[in-house]
Protein backbone atom coordinates (compact mmCIF):
# COMPACT_ATOMS: atom_id res chain seq x y z
CA MET A 1 -117.93 268.86 19.53
CA ARG A 2 -116.08 270.20 16.49
CA ILE A 3 -113.89 267.61 14.78
CA LEU A 4 -111.08 268.40 12.35
CA LEU A 5 -110.79 265.66 9.69
CA VAL A 6 -107.38 265.67 8.01
CA ASP A 7 -106.86 263.37 5.03
CA ASP A 8 -105.77 263.92 1.44
CA SER A 9 -108.45 261.51 0.21
CA PRO A 10 -111.91 263.11 -0.13
CA SER A 11 -113.51 259.64 -0.14
CA THR A 12 -111.80 258.73 3.15
CA ARG A 13 -112.99 262.00 4.70
CA LEU A 14 -116.51 261.19 3.49
CA VAL A 15 -116.40 257.70 5.05
CA LEU A 16 -115.08 259.16 8.33
CA ARG A 17 -117.75 261.87 8.35
CA ASP A 18 -120.49 259.29 7.70
CA MET A 19 -119.23 257.08 10.54
CA LEU A 20 -118.98 260.05 12.90
CA GLU A 21 -122.44 261.31 11.95
CA SER A 22 -123.86 257.85 12.74
CA MET A 23 -122.35 258.32 16.23
CA GLY A 24 -124.09 261.66 16.68
CA TYR A 25 -121.26 264.03 15.75
CA ASN A 26 -122.18 266.68 13.22
CA ASP A 27 -119.72 269.58 13.38
CA PHE A 28 -116.72 269.07 11.08
CA VAL A 29 -113.90 270.99 9.49
CA GLU A 30 -112.26 269.06 6.64
CA VAL A 31 -108.82 269.65 5.13
CA ALA A 32 -106.48 267.73 2.84
CA ASP A 33 -103.11 268.07 4.57
CA GLY A 34 -101.25 269.11 7.70
CA ILE A 35 -100.55 272.63 6.47
CA ASP A 36 -104.26 273.37 6.04
CA ALA A 37 -104.93 271.61 9.35
CA ALA A 38 -102.45 273.85 11.19
CA ARG A 39 -104.18 276.89 9.67
CA ALA A 40 -107.59 275.55 10.66
CA MET A 41 -106.37 275.05 14.22
CA GLU A 42 -105.44 278.73 14.37
CA GLN A 43 -108.79 279.88 12.97
CA GLU A 44 -111.29 277.40 14.42
CA SER A 45 -112.18 276.08 17.83
CA ILE A 46 -111.39 272.37 17.43
CA ASP A 47 -112.17 269.72 20.07
CA LEU A 48 -110.71 266.64 18.35
CA VAL A 49 -108.37 266.03 15.40
CA VAL A 50 -108.60 262.84 13.34
CA SER A 51 -105.57 262.86 11.04
CA ASP A 52 -104.14 260.44 8.54
CA TRP A 53 -100.41 259.80 8.93
CA ARG A 54 -99.54 259.86 5.20
CA MET A 55 -100.38 263.07 3.35
CA PRO A 56 -98.58 265.41 0.97
CA ASN A 57 -97.12 268.77 2.06
CA MET A 58 -97.26 268.00 5.80
CA ASP A 59 -97.98 264.54 7.15
CA GLY A 60 -99.97 263.72 10.25
CA ILE A 61 -97.00 263.13 12.55
CA THR A 62 -95.45 266.47 11.60
CA LEU A 63 -98.81 268.14 12.23
CA LEU A 64 -98.99 266.44 15.62
CA LYS A 65 -95.46 267.52 16.56
CA THR A 66 -96.22 271.08 15.41
CA LEU A 67 -99.38 271.25 17.52
CA ARG A 68 -97.60 269.92 20.60
CA ALA A 69 -94.58 272.23 20.09
CA ASN A 70 -97.01 275.17 19.99
CA GLY A 71 -98.58 274.08 23.27
CA ASN A 72 -101.82 272.84 21.70
CA ASP A 73 -103.04 269.79 23.62
CA VAL A 74 -106.18 269.07 21.60
CA PRO A 75 -106.86 265.32 21.46
CA VAL A 76 -105.40 263.84 18.27
CA LEU A 77 -106.32 260.47 16.79
CA ILE A 78 -103.75 259.36 14.20
CA VAL A 79 -104.91 257.03 11.40
CA ILE A 80 -102.36 254.52 10.12
CA THR A 81 -102.45 251.50 7.85
CA LYS A 82 -101.86 247.93 8.94
CA ALA A 83 -98.44 248.01 7.26
CA GLU A 84 -97.49 251.04 9.38
CA ARG A 85 -98.11 249.51 12.82
CA CYS A 86 -94.65 250.65 13.90
CA HIS A 87 -95.91 254.22 13.49
CA ALA A 88 -98.36 253.73 16.38
CA ILE A 89 -95.57 253.97 18.96
CA ALA A 90 -94.05 256.99 17.23
CA ALA A 91 -97.45 258.70 17.19
CA LEU A 92 -98.03 258.08 20.89
CA GLN A 93 -94.50 259.25 21.74
CA ALA A 94 -95.12 262.43 19.74
CA GLY A 95 -98.24 263.17 21.77
CA ALA A 96 -101.11 261.46 19.96
CA SER A 97 -104.03 260.72 22.24
CA SER A 98 -104.70 257.47 20.39
CA TYR A 99 -104.37 255.82 16.99
CA ILE A 100 -106.49 253.65 14.74
CA ILE A 101 -105.41 251.16 12.07
CA LYS A 102 -107.11 251.07 8.64
CA PRO A 103 -109.36 249.41 7.79
CA PHE A 104 -111.64 250.01 10.76
CA ASP A 105 -115.34 250.03 11.53
CA SER A 106 -117.49 252.54 13.38
CA THR A 107 -117.36 250.54 16.63
CA THR A 108 -113.56 250.66 16.66
CA LEU A 109 -113.61 254.35 15.70
CA ALA A 110 -115.99 255.14 18.56
CA GLU A 111 -113.74 253.31 21.02
CA ARG A 112 -110.61 255.10 19.80
CA ILE A 113 -112.34 258.48 20.04
CA ARG A 114 -113.42 257.65 23.58
CA GLN A 115 -109.82 256.67 24.35
CA ALA A 116 -108.43 259.85 22.75
CA LEU A 117 -110.78 262.04 24.76
CA ALA A 118 -110.02 260.14 27.97
CA ASN A 119 -106.28 260.58 27.39
CA ALA A 120 -106.63 264.30 26.72
CA THR A 121 -105.12 266.73 29.16
CA PRO A 122 -107.99 268.33 31.11
CA PRO A 123 -108.23 272.11 30.72
CA THR A 124 -106.67 274.16 33.49
CA THR A 125 -108.84 276.66 35.29
């Protein structure tokens, strides 16, 4: 599974990658904002997006809305802070597969990824 990690903080991407690697995932594309993420989605085969809400240039919710408007139904896990709990509903209404609130541990991340993948639209044949 190829996972797109979208966060303007290199240290946060590193922590996410380490958690995901401990779960057995090892194929990542990393970018710092929604603009680069949208480009990566056009150029790469991505199975899951883990995106922070707050980023410069294009935030996570705008990225999510852009993906959905373009017909891309890849599972998206939106990362928000505890102070932004109200954003969870907005993310789900915009088409997020799930969300996770910082700070979180690898057990919670694994559960939210499972939830995001379960909520994903199955491919049509």
